[in-house]
Amino acid sequence: MAPCYRTLQERTIESREARALVLSPRAQALRPLNGAPRLSQSSAELLRQVDIVDERGDKHSLYIPSERPLTVLLDDRELVTLMTLGAAPEWLVLGYLCNQRLLDGIGTIDSVVVDWACGTARVQSRLGERAMETPQSPLARTGCALGTAFGDAMSAIEGIVLPEPGAASMSRSTLLSILESMRAHDDIHRAAGSVHSCALFGAADLWVSIEDVSRHNGVDTVTGWMALHGVAGGDKILFTTGRLTGEMVMKAAFNGIPILITRNGVTDMGYEIAMRLRMALFGRAANRRYLCYTGAERFDPTS
């Protein structure tokens, strides 16, 4: 049987309607914290049309995600280059700085200005001569690379105290509702594939959803949005399509989020960190199937 391809017209309509960033009305109503940094509002093309040849030798036009480099300059010093789709680059940069423990708080940043013509995100701090410590050489990071001082991050989790299971838990019906909700928030994946999704929920209510070329970018973008608006994570649930590695679990813990869900799997380091912090990890979660790897005390499978 010949492969089934959507018509170019169907793909064009889908690509024009595709959104990588979704904010609920409740999230849109929030305003940044007093003293929050000034942010540019950059935009970039999400998809690119290319010509391909399939296994039968037939030619087709398809869409692929528009991955692009974004070099972060902190007080004019090169810090890191992130590979990103660019749907919410200012939040991505803020979240990266937060999750790498380079910020003492959102108030230490004066502005984040993204310039796609130069491929840069200029971050200006408010510290003057007491500028933030940055690595002596730039960190080169790909979409899935670690790009962090891992030992320092591991030390940082020791002081994290998450809400008790009685104060932060999830029912089976909430889990299934989240999985169903995310089936409707994967525009870029449906149009072009090759991206990850990440979303923040309060119970079954979606707050923010983002698609990007790496799972790390997704959680960093959510982190940046939370930090900018002063949104606490203790009563939230984080969804991702990417595997829950040690760093992914740590990033959720840094934001106080006690429950994580992934369509993918869990690594042993992600598992060990979650066990230490009494976090709940749900993996292989798709349709009505899932595995609870840790934190079963936070889950009610009967309601």
C-alpha atoms as a PDB file:
ATOM      1  CA  MET A   1       0.000   0.000   0.000  1.00  0.00           C
ATOM      2  CA  ALA A   2       1.335   3.448  -0.915  1.00  0.00           C
ATOM      3  CA  PRO A   3       2.123   5.797   2.024  1.00  0.00           C
ATOM      4  CA  CYS A   4      -0.623   8.271   2.899  1.00  0.00           C
ATOM      5  CA  TYR A   5       0.412  11.909   2.549  1.00  0.00           C
ATOM      6  CA  ARG A   6      -1.769  14.895   3.326  1.00  0.00           C
ATOM      7  CA  THR A   7      -2.174  17.294   0.450  1.00  0.00           C
ATOM      8  CA  LEU A   8       0.105  20.328   0.310  1.00  0.00           C
ATOM      9  CA  GLN A   9      -2.967  22.542   0.791  1.00  0.00           C
ATOM     10  CA  GLU A  10      -3.909  20.645   3.973  1.00  0.00           C
ATOM     11  CA  ARG A  11      -0.374  20.926   5.329  1.00  0.00           C
ATOM     12  CA  THR A  12      -0.192  24.617   4.432  1.00  0.00           C
ATOM     13  CA  ILE A  13      -3.430  25.370   6.289  1.00  0.00           C
ATOM     14  CA  GLU A  14      -2.223  23.352   9.274  1.00  0.00           C
ATOM     15  CA  SER A  15       1.164  25.087   9.339  1.00  0.00           C
ATOM     16  CA  ARG A  16      -0.388  28.551   9.228  1.00  0.00           C
ATOM     17  CA  GLU A  17      -2.645  27.705  12.151  1.00  0.00           C
ATOM     18  CA  ALA A  18       0.080  25.969  14.159  1.00  0.00           C
ATOM     19  CA  ARG A  19       0.910  27.458  17.546  1.00  0.00           C
ATOM     20  CA  ALA A  20       3.922  26.390  19.575  1.00  0.00           C
ATOM     21  CA  LEU A  21       2.824  28.407  22.641  1.00  0.00           C
ATOM     22  CA  VAL A  22      -0.574  28.150  24.330  1.00  0.00           C
ATOM     23  CA  LEU A  23      -1.661  30.181  27.361  1.00  0.00           C
ATOM     24  CA  SER A  24      -4.957  29.600  29.129  1.00  0.00           C
ATOM     25  CA  PRO A  25      -7.219  32.637  29.739  1.00  0.00           C
ATOM     26  CA  ARG A  26      -6.269  32.434  33.414  1.00  0.00           C
ATOM     27  CA  ALA A  27      -2.573  32.538  32.540  1.00  0.00           C
ATOM     28  CA  GLN A  28      -3.085  35.407  30.094  1.00  0.00           C
ATOM     29  CA  ALA A  29      -4.745  37.438  32.839  1.00  0.00           C
ATOM     30  CA  LEU A  30      -1.601  37.331  34.998  1.00  0.00           C
ATOM     31  CA  ARG A  31       0.775  40.283  34.987  1.00  0.00           C
ATOM     32  CA  PRO A  32       4.541  40.157  35.577  1.00  0.00           C
ATOM     33  CA  LEU A  33       5.773  40.745  39.112  1.00  0.00           C
ATOM     34  CA  ASN A  34       6.685  44.258  40.194  1.00  0.00           C
ATOM     35  CA  GLY A  35      10.295  44.854  39.300  1.00  0.00           C
ATOM     36  CA  ALA A  36      10.298  42.061  36.705  1.00  0.00           C
ATOM     37  CA  PRO A  37      12.732  42.486  33.798  1.00  0.00           C
ATOM     38  CA  ARG A  38      11.695  44.208  30.596  1.00  0.00           C
ATOM     39  CA  LEU A  39      11.380  41.699  27.771  1.00  0.00           C
ATOM     40  CA  SER A  40      11.423  42.065  24.021  1.00  0.00           C
ATOM     41  CA  GLN A  41       8.580  40.395  22.176  1.00  0.00           C
ATOM     42  CA  SER A  42      10.447  38.688  19.381  1.00  0.00           C
ATOM     43  CA  SER A  43       8.894  36.377  16.869  1.00  0.00           C
ATOM     44  CA  ALA A  44      10.256  33.832  14.428  1.00  0.00           C
ATOM     45  CA  GLU A  45       8.979  31.489  11.752  1.00  0.00           C
ATOM     46  CA  LEU A  46       8.114  28.148  13.340  1.00  0.00           C
ATOM     47  CA  LEU A  47       8.107  25.953  10.235  1.00  0.00           C
ATOM     48  CA  ARG A  48      10.052  25.642   7.001  1.00  0.00           C
ATOM     49  CA  GLN A  49       8.832  23.974   3.824  1.00  0.00           C
ATOM     50  CA  VAL A  50      11.285  21.570   2.140  1.00  0.00           C
ATOM     51  CA  ASP A  51      11.171  19.121  -0.753  1.00  0.00           C
ATOM     52  CA  ILE A  52      11.793  15.443  -0.033  1.00  0.00           C
ATOM     53  CA  VAL A  53      11.883  12.157  -1.925  1.00  0.00           C
ATOM     54  CA  ASP A  54      10.210   9.133  -0.351  1.00  0.00           C
ATOM     55  CA  GLU A  55      11.118   5.425  -0.510  1.00  0.00           C
ATOM     56  CA  ARG A  56       9.165   5.065  -3.765  1.00  0.00           C
ATOM     57  CA  GLY A  57      11.110   7.864  -5.435  1.00  0.00           C
ATOM     58  CA  ASP A  58       8.123  10.236  -5.336  1.00  0.00           C
ATOM     59  CA  LYS A  59       8.698  13.924  -4.580  1.00  0.00           C
ATOM     60  CA  HIS A  60       6.720  15.752  -1.897  1.00  0.00           C
ATOM     61  CA  SER A  61       6.799  19.050   0.004  1.00  0.00           C
ATOM     62  CA  LEU A  62       6.822  18.790   3.785  1.00  0.00           C
ATOM     63  CA  TYR A  63       7.276  21.081   6.774  1.00  0.00           C
ATOM     64  CA  ILE A  64      10.091  20.799   9.292  1.00  0.00           C
ATOM     65  CA  PRO A  65      10.655  22.837  12.501  1.00  0.00           C
ATOM     66  CA  SER A  66      12.789  25.964  12.111  1.00  0.00           C
ATOM     67  CA  GLU A  67      15.568  25.240  14.582  1.00  0.00           C
ATOM     68  CA  ARG A  68      17.902  28.196  15.129  1.00  0.00           C
ATOM     69  CA  PRO A  69      20.800  29.132  17.457  1.00  0.00           C
ATOM     70  CA  LEU A  70      20.305  31.747  20.176  1.00  0.00           C
ATOM     71  CA  THR A  71      23.467  32.970  21.885  1.00  0.00           C
ATOM     72  CA  VAL A  72      22.853  34.313  25.394  1.00  0.00           C
ATOM     73  CA  LEU A  73      24.999  37.309  26.368  1.00  0.00           C
ATOM     74  CA  LEU A  74      24.925  38.094  30.071  1.00  0.00           C
ATOM     75  CA  ASP A  75      26.174  41.641  30.663  1.00  0.00           C
ATOM     76  CA  ASP A  76      27.899  41.379  27.254  1.00  0.00           C
ATOM     77  CA  ARG A  77      29.671  38.139  28.171  1.00  0.00           C
ATOM     78  CA  GLU A  78      28.849  35.084  26.077  1.00  0.00           C
ATOM     79  CA  LEU A  79      27.261  32.468  28.289  1.00  0.00           C
ATOM     80  CA  VAL A  80      25.662  29.748  26.171  1.00  0.00           C
ATOM     81  CA  THR A  81      24.169  29.020  22.777  1.00  0.00           C
ATOM     82  CA  LEU A  82      20.733  27.413  22.876  1.00  0.00           C
ATOM     83  CA  MET A  83      19.185  25.671  19.887  1.00  0.00           C
ATOM     84  CA  THR A  84      15.511  26.576  19.815  1.00  0.00           C
ATOM     85  CA  LEU A  85      12.351  26.882  17.770  1.00  0.00           C
ATOM     86  CA  GLY A  86      12.052  30.404  19.166  1.00  0.00           C
ATOM     87  CA  ALA A  87       8.378  30.492  20.143  1.00  0.00           C
ATOM     88  CA  ALA A  88       9.034  32.183  23.517  1.00  0.00           C
ATOM     89  CA  PRO A  89      12.773  32.947  23.595  1.00  0.00           C
ATOM     90  CA  GLU A  90      12.680  35.528  26.404  1.00  0.00           C
ATOM     91  CA  TRP A  91      10.995  33.068  28.782  1.00  0.00           C
ATOM     92  CA  LEU A  92      13.420  30.368  27.636  1.00  0.00           C
ATOM     93  CA  VAL A  93      16.421  32.530  28.534  1.00  0.00           C
ATOM     94  CA  LEU A  94      14.996  33.489  31.934  1.00  0.00           C
ATOM     95  CA  GLY A  95      14.166  29.869  32.704  1.00  0.00           C
ATOM     96  CA  TYR A  96      17.604  28.706  31.638  1.00  0.00           C
ATOM     97  CA  LEU A  97      19.264  31.203  33.981  1.00  0.00           C
ATOM     98  CA  CYS A  98      16.945  30.164  36.816  1.00  0.00           C
ATOM     99  CA  ASN A  99      17.431  26.431  36.334  1.00  0.00           C
ATOM    100  CA  GLN A 100      21.196  26.773  36.046  1.00  0.00           C
ATOM    101  CA  ARG A 101      21.104  28.591  39.398  1.00  0.00           C
ATOM    102  CA  LEU A 102      22.641  31.726  37.862  1.00  0.00           C
ATOM    103  CA  LEU A 103      19.912  34.002  39.234  1.00  0.00           C
ATOM    104  CA  ASP A 104      19.360  35.106  42.800  1.00  0.00           C
ATOM    105  CA  GLY A 105      15.851  36.030  41.819  1.00  0.00           C
ATOM    106  CA  ILE A 106      14.014  37.517  38.889  1.00  0.00           C
ATOM    107  CA  GLY A 107      14.711  41.026  40.244  1.00  0.00           C
ATOM    108  CA  THR A 108      18.412  40.727  39.450  1.00  0.00           C
ATOM    109  CA  ILE A 109      17.658  41.003  35.706  1.00  0.00           C
ATOM    110  CA  ASP A 110      16.882  44.373  34.123  1.00  0.00           C
ATOM    111  CA  SER A 111      16.080  43.250  30.576  1.00  0.00           C
ATOM    112  CA  VAL A 112      16.184  40.436  28.026  1.00  0.00           C
ATOM    113  CA  VAL A 113      16.309  41.540  24.394  1.00  0.00           C
ATOM    114  CA  VAL A 114      16.233  38.934  21.627  1.00  0.00           C
ATOM    115  CA  ASP A 115      17.505  39.899  18.176  1.00  0.00           C
ATOM    116  CA  TRP A 116      17.002  37.137  15.612  1.00  0.00           C
ATOM    117  CA  ALA A 117      18.940  39.073  12.977  1.00  0.00           C
ATOM    118  CA  CYS A 118      22.041  38.604  15.151  1.00  0.00           C
ATOM    119  CA  GLY A 119      20.892  35.387  16.801  1.00  0.00           C
ATOM    120  CA  THR A 120      21.432  36.841  20.267  1.00  0.00           C
ATOM    121  CA  ALA A 121      19.608  37.296  23.550  1.00  0.00           C
ATOM    122  CA  ARG A 122      21.176  40.194  25.468  1.00  0.00           C
ATOM    123  CA  VAL A 123      20.568  39.890  29.188  1.00  0.00           C
ATOM    124  CA  GLN A 124      21.312  42.983  31.236  1.00  0.00           C
ATOM    125  CA  SER A 125      21.594  42.491  34.979  1.00  0.00           C
ATOM    126  CA  ARG A 126      21.019  45.051  37.731  1.00  0.00           C
ATOM    127  CA  LEU A 127      24.134  44.044  39.617  1.00  0.00           C
ATOM    128  CA  GLY A 128      26.557  46.563  38.126  1.00  0.00           C
ATOM    129  CA  GLU A 129      30.066  45.774  39.291  1.00  0.00           C
ATOM    130  CA  ARG A 130      28.695  42.834  41.293  1.00  0.00           C
ATOM    131  CA  ALA A 131      27.871  41.079  38.031  1.00  0.00           C
ATOM    132  CA  MET A 132      26.741  37.491  38.221  1.00  0.00           C
ATOM    133  CA  GLU A 133      29.337  34.793  38.156  1.00  0.00           C
ATOM    134  CA  THR A 134      29.465  33.170  34.749  1.00  0.00           C
ATOM    135  CA  PRO A 135      31.582  30.289  33.474  1.00  0.00           C
ATOM    136  CA  GLN A 136      35.072  31.288  32.341  1.00  0.00           C
ATOM    137  CA  SER A 137      34.304  29.904  28.880  1.00  0.00           C
ATOM    138  CA  PRO A 138      30.978  29.739  27.057  1.00  0.00           C
ATOM    139  CA  LEU A 139      28.925  26.584  27.464  1.00  0.00           C
ATOM    140  CA  ALA A 140      28.198  25.016  24.092  1.00  0.00           C
ATOM    141  CA  ARG A 141      24.845  23.295  24.358  1.00  0.00           C
ATOM    142  CA  THR A 142      22.886  21.308  21.806  1.00  0.00           C
ATOM    143  CA  GLY A 143      19.184  20.593  22.066  1.00  0.00           C
ATOM    144  CA  CYS A 144      19.730  17.668  24.462  1.00  0.00           C
ATOM    145  CA  ALA A 145      23.107  18.390  26.075  1.00  0.00           C
ATOM    146  CA  LEU A 146      23.422  18.919  29.805  1.00  0.00           C
ATOM    147  CA  GLY A 147      25.047  22.364  29.755  1.00  0.00           C
ATOM    148  CA  THR A 148      25.191  22.737  33.521  1.00  0.00           C
ATOM    149  CA  ALA A 149      27.499  22.464  36.533  1.00  0.00           C
ATOM    150  CA  PHE A 150      25.945  19.154  37.537  1.00  0.00           C
ATOM    151  CA  GLY A 151      27.670  18.819  40.905  1.00  0.00           C
ATOM    152  CA  ASP A 152      26.386  22.217  42.021  1.00  0.00           C
ATOM    153  CA  ALA A 153      22.878  21.333  40.879  1.00  0.00           C
ATOM    154  CA  MET A 154      22.936  18.067  42.829  1.00  0.00           C
ATOM    155  CA  SER A 155      24.011  19.951  45.933  1.00  0.00           C
ATOM    156  CA  ALA A 156      21.202  22.453  45.451  1.00  0.00           C
ATOM    157  CA  ILE A 157      18.470  19.829  45.690  1.00  0.00           C
ATOM    158  CA  GLU A 158      19.483  18.903  49.227  1.00  0.00           C
ATOM    159  CA  GLY A 159      17.645  21.894  50.657  1.00  0.00           C
ATOM    160  CA  ILE A 160      14.465  21.424  48.619  1.00  0.00           C
ATOM    161  CA  VAL A 161      11.317  20.628  50.598  1.00  0.00           C
ATOM    162  CA  LEU A 162       8.241  19.813  48.519  1.00  0.00           C
ATOM    163  CA  PRO A 163       4.635  19.770  49.787  1.00  0.00           C
ATOM    164  CA  GLU A 164       3.555  16.671  51.665  1.00  0.00           C
ATOM    165  CA  PRO A 165       1.556  14.091  49.676  1.00  0.00           C
ATOM    166  CA  GLY A 166      -1.639  15.143  51.442  1.00  0.00           C
ATOM    167  CA  ALA A 167      -1.175  18.687  50.138  1.00  0.00           C
ATOM    168  CA  ALA A 168      -0.080  17.810  46.578  1.00  0.00           C
ATOM    169  CA  SER A 169      -1.579  14.757  44.917  1.00  0.00           C
ATOM    170  CA  MET A 170      -3.329  13.686  41.726  1.00  0.00           C
ATOM    171  CA  SER A 171      -6.294  11.480  40.875  1.00  0.00           C
ATOM    172  CA  ARG A 172      -6.536   9.049  37.984  1.00  0.00           C
ATOM    173  CA  SER A 173      -9.222  11.173  36.357  1.00  0.00           C
ATOM    174  CA  THR A 174      -6.904  14.209  36.465  1.00  0.00           C
ATOM    175  CA  LEU A 175      -4.074  12.223  34.902  1.00  0.00           C
ATOM    176  CA  LEU A 176      -6.294  10.992  32.069  1.00  0.00           C
ATOM    177  CA  SER A 177      -7.652  14.506  31.536  1.00  0.00           C
ATOM    178  CA  ILE A 178      -4.113  15.886  31.210  1.00  0.00           C
ATOM    179  CA  LEU A 179      -3.186  13.225  28.656  1.00  0.00           C
ATOM    180  CA  GLU A 180      -6.305  14.008  26.624  1.00  0.00           C
ATOM    181  CA  SER A 181      -5.676  17.749  26.857  1.00  0.00           C
ATOM    182  CA  MET A 182      -2.138  17.418  25.497  1.00  0.00           C
ATOM    183  CA  ARG A 183      -3.420  15.611  22.422  1.00  0.00           C
ATOM    184  CA  ALA A 184      -4.906  18.975  21.434  1.00  0.00           C
ATOM    185  CA  HIS A 185      -1.731  20.989  22.083  1.00  0.00           C
ATOM    186  CA  ASP A 186       0.806  19.502  19.686  1.00  0.00           C
ATOM    187  CA  ASP A 187       0.345  21.678  16.599  1.00  0.00           C
ATOM    188  CA  ILE A 188       4.006  21.744  15.582  1.00  0.00           C
ATOM    189  CA  HIS A 189       4.414  18.017  16.125  1.00  0.00           C
ATOM    190  CA  ARG A 190       1.367  17.263  13.971  1.00  0.00           C
ATOM    191  CA  ALA A 191       2.474  19.663  11.243  1.00  0.00           C
ATOM    192  CA  ALA A 192       6.168  18.768  11.174  1.00  0.00           C
ATOM    193  CA  GLY A 193       7.245  16.389  13.974  1.00  0.00           C
ATOM    194  CA  SER A 194      10.718  16.572  15.545  1.00  0.00           C
ATOM    195  CA  VAL A 195       9.744  18.609  18.632  1.00  0.00           C
ATOM    196  CA  HIS A 196       8.962  18.071  22.318  1.00  0.00           C
ATOM    197  CA  SER A 197       6.031  19.422  24.320  1.00  0.00           C
ATOM    198  CA  CYS A 198       6.040  20.677  27.899  1.00  0.00           C
ATOM    199  CA  ALA A 199       3.065  21.976  29.864  1.00  0.00           C
ATOM    200  CA  LEU A 200       2.138  23.197  33.327  1.00  0.00           C
ATOM    201  CA  PHE A 201      -1.158  22.146  34.896  1.00  0.00           C
ATOM    202  CA  GLY A 202      -3.030  23.030  38.058  1.00  0.00           C
ATOM    203  CA  ALA A 203      -4.946  19.796  38.596  1.00  0.00           C
ATOM    204  CA  ALA A 204      -6.559  19.221  35.167  1.00  0.00           C
ATOM    205  CA  ASP A 205      -6.437  22.913  34.193  1.00  0.00           C
ATOM    206  CA  LEU A 206      -3.808  23.868  31.624  1.00  0.00           C
ATOM    207  CA  TRP A 207      -1.815  27.024  32.389  1.00  0.00           C
ATOM    208  CA  VAL A 208       0.882  27.076  29.707  1.00  0.00           C
ATOM    209  CA  SER A 209       2.042  24.724  26.961  1.00  0.00           C
ATOM    210  CA  ILE A 210       5.137  25.052  24.782  1.00  0.00           C
ATOM    211  CA  GLU A 211       6.696  23.073  21.925  1.00  0.00           C
ATOM    212  CA  ASP A 212      10.420  23.305  21.200  1.00  0.00           C
ATOM    213  CA  VAL A 213      13.231  21.260  19.721  1.00  0.00           C
ATOM    214  CA  SER A 214      14.355  19.866  23.083  1.00  0.00           C
ATOM    215  CA  ARG A 215      12.680  18.782  26.297  1.00  0.00           C
ATOM    216  CA  HIS A 216      15.091  20.993  28.275  1.00  0.00           C
ATOM    217  CA  ASN A 217      13.955  24.072  26.362  1.00  0.00           C
ATOM    218  CA  GLY A 218      10.375  23.180  27.207  1.00  0.00           C
ATOM    219  CA  VAL A 219      10.854  23.026  30.963  1.00  0.00           C
ATOM    220  CA  ASP A 220      13.148  26.095  30.906  1.00  0.00           C
ATOM    221  CA  THR A 221      10.451  28.091  29.083  1.00  0.00           C
ATOM    222  CA  VAL A 222       7.809  27.045  31.605  1.00  0.00           C
ATOM    223  CA  THR A 223      10.225  27.993  34.393  1.00  0.00           C
ATOM    224  CA  GLY A 224      10.792  31.434  32.866  1.00  0.00           C
ATOM    225  CA  TRP A 225       7.048  32.066  32.642  1.00  0.00           C
ATOM    226  CA  MET A 226       6.557  30.949  36.264  1.00  0.00           C
ATOM    227  CA  ALA A 227       9.384  33.141  37.535  1.00  0.00           C
ATOM    228  CA  LEU A 228       8.185  36.190  35.606  1.00  0.00           C
ATOM    229  CA  HIS A 229       4.652  35.918  36.987  1.00  0.00           C
ATOM    230  CA  GLY A 230       5.436  34.625  40.482  1.00  0.00           C
ATOM    231  CA  VAL A 231       3.618  31.329  39.947  1.00  0.00           C
ATOM    232  CA  ALA A 232       4.414  28.742  42.622  1.00  0.00           C
ATOM    233  CA  GLY A 233       4.853  25.077  41.714  1.00  0.00           C
ATOM    234  CA  GLY A 234       3.689  23.310  44.868  1.00  0.00           C
ATOM    235  CA  ASP A 235       0.179  22.684  43.551  1.00  0.00           C
ATOM    236  CA  LYS A 236       1.199  22.152  39.925  1.00  0.00           C
ATOM    237  CA  ILE A 237       1.829  19.185  37.614  1.00  0.00           C
ATOM    238  CA  LEU A 238       4.469  19.215  34.863  1.00  0.00           C
ATOM    239  CA  PHE A 239       3.881  17.288  31.633  1.00  0.00           C
ATOM    240  CA  THR A 240       6.581  16.537  29.068  1.00  0.00           C
ATOM    241  CA  THR A 241       6.982  14.318  26.056  1.00  0.00           C
ATOM    242  CA  GLY A 242      10.691  13.884  26.854  1.00  0.00           C
ATOM    243  CA  ARG A 243      12.348  11.318  29.097  1.00  0.00           C
ATOM    244  CA  LEU A 244      12.692  12.182  32.775  1.00  0.00           C
ATOM    245  CA  THR A 245      16.443  12.297  33.284  1.00  0.00           C
ATOM    246  CA  GLY A 246      18.130  13.479  36.455  1.00  0.00           C
ATOM    247  CA  GLU A 247      18.376  17.052  35.172  1.00  0.00           C
ATOM    248  CA  MET A 248      14.730  17.166  34.090  1.00  0.00           C
ATOM    249  CA  VAL A 249      13.592  15.987  37.521  1.00  0.00           C
ATOM    250  CA  MET A 250      15.922  18.488  39.217  1.00  0.00           C
ATOM    251  CA  LYS A 251      14.494  21.364  37.177  1.00  0.00           C
ATOM    252  CA  ALA A 252      10.977  20.458  38.275  1.00  0.00           C
ATOM    253  CA  ALA A 253      12.171  20.231  41.882  1.00  0.00           C
ATOM    254  CA  PHE A 254      13.855  23.658  41.673  1.00  0.00           C
ATOM    255  CA  ASN A 255      10.427  25.041  40.760  1.00  0.00           C
ATOM    256  CA  GLY A 256       8.728  23.221  43.625  1.00  0.00           C
ATOM    257  CA  ILE A 257       6.733  20.930  41.312  1.00  0.00           C
ATOM    258  CA  PRO A 258       6.090  17.558  42.994  1.00  0.00           C
ATOM    259  CA  ILE A 259       4.369  15.624  40.169  1.00  0.00           C
ATOM    260  CA  LEU A 260       5.763  14.897  36.682  1.00  0.00           C
ATOM    261  CA  ILE A 261       4.196  13.075  33.733  1.00  0.00           C
ATOM    262  CA  THR A 262       5.937  11.943  30.549  1.00  0.00           C
ATOM    263  CA  ARG A 263       4.969  10.008  27.464  1.00  0.00           C
ATOM    264  CA  ASN A 264       8.527   8.707  27.568  1.00  0.00           C
ATOM    265  CA  GLY A 265      10.507   6.827  30.200  1.00  0.00           C
ATOM    266  CA  VAL A 266      12.502   7.511  33.378  1.00  0.00           C
ATOM    267  CA  THR A 267      16.255   7.107  33.927  1.00  0.00           C
ATOM    268  CA  ASP A 268      17.754   5.706  37.110  1.00  0.00           C
ATOM    269  CA  MET A 269      19.088   9.116  38.163  1.00  0.00           C
ATOM    270  CA  GLY A 270      15.699  10.722  37.598  1.00  0.00           C
ATOM    271  CA  TYR A 271      14.199   7.901  39.641  1.00  0.00           C
ATOM    272  CA  GLU A 272      16.693   8.278  42.516  1.00  0.00           C
ATOM    273  CA  ILE A 273      16.256  12.051  42.768  1.00  0.00           C
ATOM    274  CA  ALA A 274      12.476  11.688  42.736  1.00  0.00           C
ATOM    275  CA  MET A 275      12.662   9.052  45.473  1.00  0.00           C
ATOM    276  CA  ARG A 276      14.887  11.297  47.593  1.00  0.00           C
ATOM    277  CA  LEU A 277      12.498  14.253  47.259  1.00  0.00           C
ATOM    278  CA  ARG A 278       9.300  12.157  47.401  1.00  0.00           C
ATOM    279  CA  MET A 279       8.216  13.294  43.946  1.00  0.00           C
ATOM    280  CA  ALA A 280       5.707  11.401  41.817  1.00  0.00           C
ATOM    281  CA  LEU A 281       6.915  10.304  38.366  1.00  0.00           C
ATOM    282  CA  PHE A 282       4.528   8.901  35.760  1.00  0.00           C
ATOM    283  CA  GLY A 283       6.029   7.461  32.589  1.00  0.00           C
ATOM    284  CA  ARG A 284       4.905   5.732  29.404  1.00  0.00           C
ATOM    285  CA  ALA A 285       1.734   7.785  29.798  1.00  0.00           C
ATOM    286  CA  ALA A 286      -0.391   7.798  26.656  1.00  0.00           C
ATOM    287  CA  ASN A 287      -4.070   7.250  25.971  1.00  0.00           C
ATOM    288  CA  ARG A 288      -5.282   5.501  29.137  1.00  0.00           C
ATOM    289  CA  ARG A 289      -2.067   3.683  30.016  1.00  0.00           C
ATOM    290  CA  TYR A 290       0.703   4.824  32.372  1.00  0.00           C
ATOM    291  CA  LEU A 291       3.288   3.634  34.884  1.00  0.00           C
ATOM    292  CA  CYS A 292       3.779   5.198  38.315  1.00  0.00           C
ATOM    293  CA  TYR A 293       7.521   4.930  38.936  1.00  0.00           C
ATOM    294  CA  THR A 294       7.706   6.823  42.217  1.00  0.00           C
ATOM    295  CA  GLY A 295       5.458   8.707  44.612  1.00  0.00           C
ATOM    296  CA  ALA A 296       2.464   6.376  44.598  1.00  0.00           C
ATOM    297  CA  GLU A 297       1.393   8.032  47.856  1.00  0.00           C
ATOM    298  CA  ARG A 298       0.597  11.155  45.799  1.00  0.00           C
ATOM    299  CA  PHE A 299      -1.742   9.231  43.483  1.00  0.00           C
ATOM    300  CA  ASP A 300      -5.341   8.083  43.884  1.00  0.00           C
ATOM    301  CA  PRO A 301      -5.952   5.417  41.217  1.00  0.00           C
ATOM    302  CA  THR A 302      -9.624   5.008  42.159  1.00  0.00           C
ATOM    303  CA  SER A 303     -10.993   8.504  41.519  1.00  0.00           C
END
